[in-house]
Amino acid sequence: MLRTEAERAHDELLMISANLQIARLFPKGHSLRESSLELIAGALQYVPIRYRDKDWVQAHDYLEKNYPGWLKGFCCEQHQAARCCSVPDWSQFVTVLCSA
């Protein structure tokens, strides 16, 4: 099925939202791999707008509560990254996604 223009625009907005929210979390001088941004933007699709518009940590908490193991699932299924699959919690996920 072809994606509509609205769906593509929605995805683009999610990516921008993810970038803005993530930027607040990471110290200056650190960046995220592009695949990691895609991962997080994908996860944000499952977060109600009322959480998404706040801060990424709240969005993450919503995902953890409603989709236990989402982090590992997204990482392993979409990226097959062994290092990512073994990340036990959010704080270590941040470390894994950061590249100096």
N, C-alpha and C. Protein backbone atom coordinates (compact mmCIF):
# COMPACT_ATOMS: atom_id res chain seq x y z
N MET A 1 0.84 -1.19 0.00
CA MET A 1 0.00 0.00 0.00
C MET A 1 0.89 1.25 0.00
N LEU A 2 0.54 2.20 -0.84
CA LEU A 2 1.30 3.45 -0.90
C LEU A 2 0.95 4.32 0.30
N ARG A 3 1.97 4.94 0.82
CA ARG A 3 1.75 5.85 1.95
C ARG A 3 1.23 7.19 1.42
N THR A 4 0.32 7.76 2.16
CA THR A 4 -0.23 9.04 1.74
C THR A 4 0.74 10.16 2.11
N GLU A 5 0.53 11.30 1.49
CA GLU A 5 1.34 12.48 1.81
C GLU A 5 1.20 12.84 3.28
N ALA A 6 0.00 12.68 3.82
CA ALA A 6 -0.25 13.00 5.23
C ALA A 6 0.56 12.07 6.14
N GLU A 7 0.64 10.80 5.77
CA GLU A 7 1.42 9.85 6.58
C GLU A 7 2.90 10.20 6.54
N ARG A 8 3.39 10.57 5.37
CA ARG A 8 4.81 10.95 5.26
C ARG A 8 5.08 12.22 6.07
N ALA A 9 4.17 13.19 6.00
CA ALA A 9 4.34 14.44 6.76
C ALA A 9 4.30 14.14 8.26
N HIS A 10 3.41 13.24 8.66
CA HIS A 10 3.32 12.86 10.07
C HIS A 10 4.64 12.26 10.54
N ASP A 11 5.20 11.37 9.74
CA ASP A 11 6.49 10.74 10.09
C ASP A 11 7.59 11.78 10.19
N GLU A 12 7.57 12.74 9.29
CA GLU A 12 8.60 13.79 9.31
C GLU A 12 8.47 14.63 10.59
N LEU A 13 7.24 14.94 10.95
CA LEU A 13 7.02 15.69 12.19
C LEU A 13 7.47 14.90 13.41
N LEU A 14 7.23 13.59 13.39
CA LEU A 14 7.70 12.76 14.49
C LEU A 14 9.21 12.83 14.60
N MET A 15 9.89 12.78 13.48
CA MET A 15 11.34 12.82 13.48
C MET A 15 11.84 14.15 14.04
N ILE A 16 11.21 15.24 13.63
CA ILE A 16 11.59 16.56 14.14
C ILE A 16 11.34 16.62 15.64
N SER A 17 10.19 16.12 16.07
CA SER A 17 9.86 16.09 17.48
C SER A 17 10.88 15.28 18.26
N ALA A 18 11.24 14.12 17.73
CA ALA A 18 12.24 13.27 18.40
C ALA A 18 13.56 14.01 18.50
N ASN A 19 13.97 14.66 17.44
CA ASN A 19 15.24 15.39 17.45
C ASN A 19 15.24 16.47 18.51
N LEU A 20 14.16 17.23 18.59
CA LEU A 20 14.08 18.32 19.56
C LEU A 20 14.08 17.79 20.98
N GLN A 21 13.33 16.73 21.21
CA GLN A 21 13.24 16.19 22.55
C GLN A 21 14.55 15.54 22.97
N ILE A 22 15.17 14.85 22.04
CA ILE A 22 16.43 14.18 22.34
C ILE A 22 17.53 15.20 22.60
N ALA A 23 17.51 16.29 21.86
CA ALA A 23 18.55 17.31 22.00
C ALA A 23 18.62 17.83 23.44
N ARG A 24 17.48 17.86 24.12
CA ARG A 24 17.46 18.34 25.50
C ARG A 24 18.14 17.36 26.46
N LEU A 25 18.20 16.10 26.07
CA LEU A 25 18.72 15.08 26.97
C LEU A 25 20.22 14.92 26.92
N PHE A 26 20.81 15.24 25.80
CA PHE A 26 22.21 14.90 25.61
C PHE A 26 23.11 16.10 25.81
N PRO A 27 24.26 15.88 26.45
CA PRO A 27 25.19 16.99 26.66
C PRO A 27 25.74 17.48 25.33
N LYS A 28 26.12 18.73 25.28
CA LYS A 28 26.72 19.27 24.06
C LYS A 28 27.97 18.46 23.72
N GLY A 29 28.20 18.30 22.44
CA GLY A 29 29.36 17.53 22.02
C GLY A 29 29.03 16.08 21.75
N HIS A 30 27.81 15.66 22.09
CA HIS A 30 27.39 14.29 21.79
C HIS A 30 26.36 14.34 20.68
N SER A 31 26.35 13.31 19.90
CA SER A 31 25.35 13.25 18.84
C SER A 31 24.78 11.83 18.80
N LEU A 32 23.69 11.69 18.09
CA LEU A 32 23.07 10.38 17.95
C LEU A 32 23.26 9.88 16.54
N ARG A 33 23.44 8.58 16.42
CA ARG A 33 23.48 7.99 15.09
C ARG A 33 22.11 8.16 14.45
N GLU A 34 22.08 8.30 13.13
CA GLU A 34 20.81 8.50 12.43
C GLU A 34 19.85 7.34 12.69
N SER A 35 20.36 6.12 12.71
CA SER A 35 19.49 4.97 12.95
C SER A 35 18.84 5.05 14.32
N SER A 36 19.54 5.64 15.28
CA SER A 36 18.98 5.78 16.62
C SER A 36 17.83 6.78 16.63
N LEU A 37 17.96 7.84 15.85
CA LEU A 37 16.88 8.81 15.75
C LEU A 37 15.66 8.17 15.11
N GLU A 38 15.88 7.33 14.10
CA GLU A 38 14.76 6.63 13.46
C GLU A 38 14.08 5.71 14.46
N LEU A 39 14.87 5.06 15.27
CA LEU A 39 14.35 4.16 16.29
C LEU A 39 13.44 4.92 17.25
N ILE A 40 13.92 6.05 17.72
CA ILE A 40 13.15 6.82 18.70
C ILE A 40 11.93 7.46 18.06
N ALA A 41 12.07 7.95 16.84
CA ALA A 41 10.90 8.51 16.15
C ALA A 41 9.85 7.43 15.95
N GLY A 42 10.29 6.22 15.65
CA GLY A 42 9.36 5.11 15.51
C GLY A 42 8.63 4.82 16.80
N ALA A 43 9.37 4.85 17.90
CA ALA A 43 8.76 4.60 19.20
C ALA A 43 7.74 5.68 19.54
N LEU A 44 8.02 6.91 19.14
CA LEU A 44 7.11 8.02 19.47
C LEU A 44 5.74 7.87 18.82
N GLN A 45 5.65 7.07 17.76
CA GLN A 45 4.35 6.85 17.12
C GLN A 45 3.36 6.26 18.10
N TYR A 46 3.87 5.52 19.10
CA TYR A 46 3.00 4.83 20.03
C TYR A 46 2.67 5.66 21.26
N VAL A 47 3.19 6.86 21.31
CA VAL A 47 2.99 7.72 22.48
C VAL A 47 1.89 8.73 22.18
N PRO A 48 0.86 8.81 23.03
CA PRO A 48 -0.18 9.82 22.82
C PRO A 48 0.42 11.22 22.77
N ILE A 49 -0.20 12.09 22.00
CA ILE A 49 0.32 13.44 21.80
C ILE A 49 0.52 14.17 23.12
N ARG A 50 -0.37 13.95 24.09
CA ARG A 50 -0.24 14.68 25.37
C ARG A 50 1.09 14.37 26.05
N TYR A 51 1.65 13.19 25.81
CA TYR A 51 2.97 12.86 26.36
C TYR A 51 4.07 13.32 25.42
N ARG A 52 3.84 13.15 24.14
CA ARG A 52 4.85 13.44 23.14
C ARG A 52 5.23 14.92 23.16
N ASP A 53 4.27 15.77 23.45
CA ASP A 53 4.52 17.21 23.43
C ASP A 53 5.30 17.66 24.66
N LYS A 54 5.41 16.82 25.65
CA LYS A 54 6.14 17.21 26.85
C LYS A 54 7.60 16.87 26.65
N ASP A 55 8.11 16.01 27.49
CA ASP A 55 9.52 15.74 27.31
C ASP A 55 9.74 14.27 27.08
N TRP A 56 10.83 13.95 26.41
CA TRP A 56 11.05 12.58 25.96
C TRP A 56 11.03 11.60 27.12
N VAL A 57 11.49 12.02 28.30
CA VAL A 57 11.52 11.11 29.44
C VAL A 57 10.10 10.67 29.79
N GLN A 58 9.14 11.57 29.72
CA GLN A 58 7.75 11.20 29.98
C GLN A 58 7.24 10.25 28.91
N ALA A 59 7.63 10.49 27.68
CA ALA A 59 7.23 9.59 26.59
C ALA A 59 7.81 8.21 26.83
N HIS A 60 9.07 8.17 27.24
CA HIS A 60 9.71 6.89 27.54
C HIS A 60 8.99 6.17 28.67
N ASP A 61 8.62 6.91 29.73
CA ASP A 61 7.92 6.31 30.86
C ASP A 61 6.59 5.71 30.41
N TYR A 62 5.90 6.43 29.52
CA TYR A 62 4.63 5.92 28.99
C TYR A 62 4.86 4.60 28.24
N LEU A 63 5.90 4.58 27.41
CA LEU A 63 6.19 3.36 26.65
C LEU A 63 6.54 2.20 27.57
N GLU A 64 7.35 2.48 28.59
CA GLU A 64 7.74 1.41 29.52
C GLU A 64 6.52 0.83 30.24
N LYS A 65 5.60 1.72 30.62
CA LYS A 65 4.42 1.28 31.36
C LYS A 65 3.47 0.47 30.46
N ASN A 66 3.28 0.94 29.24
CA ASN A 66 2.29 0.34 28.36
C ASN A 66 2.84 -0.70 27.39
N TYR A 67 4.12 -0.63 27.12
CA TYR A 67 4.76 -1.58 26.20
C TYR A 67 6.06 -2.06 26.81
N PRO A 68 5.98 -2.86 27.88
CA PRO A 68 7.21 -3.30 28.55
C PRO A 68 8.17 -3.94 27.54
N GLY A 69 9.41 -3.59 27.66
CA GLY A 69 10.41 -4.16 26.76
C GLY A 69 10.47 -3.50 25.39
N TRP A 70 9.77 -2.38 25.20
CA TRP A 70 9.75 -1.73 23.88
C TRP A 70 11.15 -1.41 23.38
N LEU A 71 12.00 -0.99 24.30
CA LEU A 71 13.34 -0.56 23.93
C LEU A 71 14.12 -1.70 23.30
N LYS A 72 14.11 -2.81 23.98
CA LYS A 72 14.82 -3.98 23.47
C LYS A 72 14.19 -4.45 22.17
N GLY A 73 12.86 -4.45 22.10
CA GLY A 73 12.17 -4.90 20.90
C GLY A 73 12.52 -4.06 19.68
N PHE A 74 12.46 -2.74 19.82
CA PHE A 74 12.78 -1.87 18.70
C PHE A 74 14.22 -2.08 18.26
N CYS A 75 15.10 -2.11 19.23
CA CYS A 75 16.52 -2.24 18.92
C CYS A 75 16.81 -3.55 18.22
N CYS A 76 16.34 -4.63 18.80
CA CYS A 76 16.70 -5.95 18.28
C CYS A 76 16.03 -6.23 16.95
N GLU A 77 14.74 -5.90 16.85
CA GLU A 77 14.01 -6.25 15.64
C GLU A 77 14.36 -5.34 14.47
N GLN A 78 14.52 -4.05 14.74
CA GLN A 78 14.74 -3.13 13.64
C GLN A 78 16.21 -2.94 13.31
N HIS A 79 17.06 -3.15 14.26
CA HIS A 79 18.47 -2.83 14.02
C HIS A 79 19.41 -4.02 14.23
N GLN A 80 18.89 -5.11 14.76
CA GLN A 80 19.70 -6.31 15.00
C GLN A 80 21.05 -5.97 15.61
N ALA A 81 21.04 -5.05 16.54
CA ALA A 81 22.29 -4.62 17.17
C ALA A 81 22.47 -5.38 18.48
N ALA A 82 23.41 -6.28 18.51
CA ALA A 82 23.61 -7.10 19.70
C ALA A 82 23.89 -6.24 20.93
N ARG A 83 24.69 -5.20 20.74
CA ARG A 83 25.02 -4.32 21.86
C ARG A 83 23.76 -3.66 22.40
N CYS A 84 22.89 -3.27 21.49
CA CYS A 84 21.64 -2.60 21.87
C CYS A 84 20.70 -3.58 22.56
N CYS A 85 20.67 -4.82 22.09
CA CYS A 85 19.76 -5.81 22.67
C CYS A 85 20.05 -6.08 24.13
N SER A 86 21.27 -5.86 24.54
CA SER A 86 21.64 -6.18 25.92
C SER A 86 21.48 -4.98 26.87
N VAL A 87 21.01 -3.86 26.36
CA VAL A 87 20.86 -2.66 27.21
C VAL A 87 19.68 -2.86 28.16
N PRO A 88 19.93 -2.81 29.47
CA PRO A 88 18.87 -3.11 30.43
C PRO A 88 17.92 -1.95 30.75
N ASP A 89 18.36 -0.72 30.62
CA ASP A 89 17.48 0.38 31.03
C ASP A 89 17.78 1.66 30.25
N TRP A 90 16.93 2.65 30.49
CA TRP A 90 16.99 3.89 29.73
C TRP A 90 18.34 4.60 29.88
N SER A 91 18.86 4.68 31.10
CA SER A 91 20.10 5.43 31.30
C SER A 91 21.24 4.81 30.48
N GLN A 92 21.27 3.49 30.41
CA GLN A 92 22.32 2.86 29.62
C GLN A 92 22.03 2.95 28.13
N PHE A 93 20.75 3.00 27.77
CA PHE A 93 20.37 3.19 26.37
C PHE A 93 20.91 4.52 25.87
N VAL A 94 20.79 5.54 26.70
CA VAL A 94 21.31 6.86 26.35
C VAL A 94 22.81 6.76 26.05
N THR A 95 23.52 6.03 26.89
CA THR A 95 24.96 5.87 26.70
C THR A 95 25.27 5.15 25.39
N VAL A 96 24.51 4.12 25.10
CA VAL A 96 24.73 3.34 23.88
C VAL A 96 24.47 4.19 22.64
N LEU A 97 23.44 5.01 22.70
CA LEU A 97 23.08 5.81 21.52
C LEU A 97 24.02 6.98 21.30
N CYS A 98 24.68 7.41 22.33
CA CYS A 98 25.58 8.56 22.21
C CYS A 98 26.86 8.16 21.51
N SER A 99 27.31 9.02 20.64
CA SER A 99 28.64 8.82 20.07
C SER A 99 29.40 10.12 20.25
N ALA A 100 30.58 10.03 20.79
CA ALA A 100 31.34 11.24 21.12
C ALA A 100 31.77 11.97 19.86
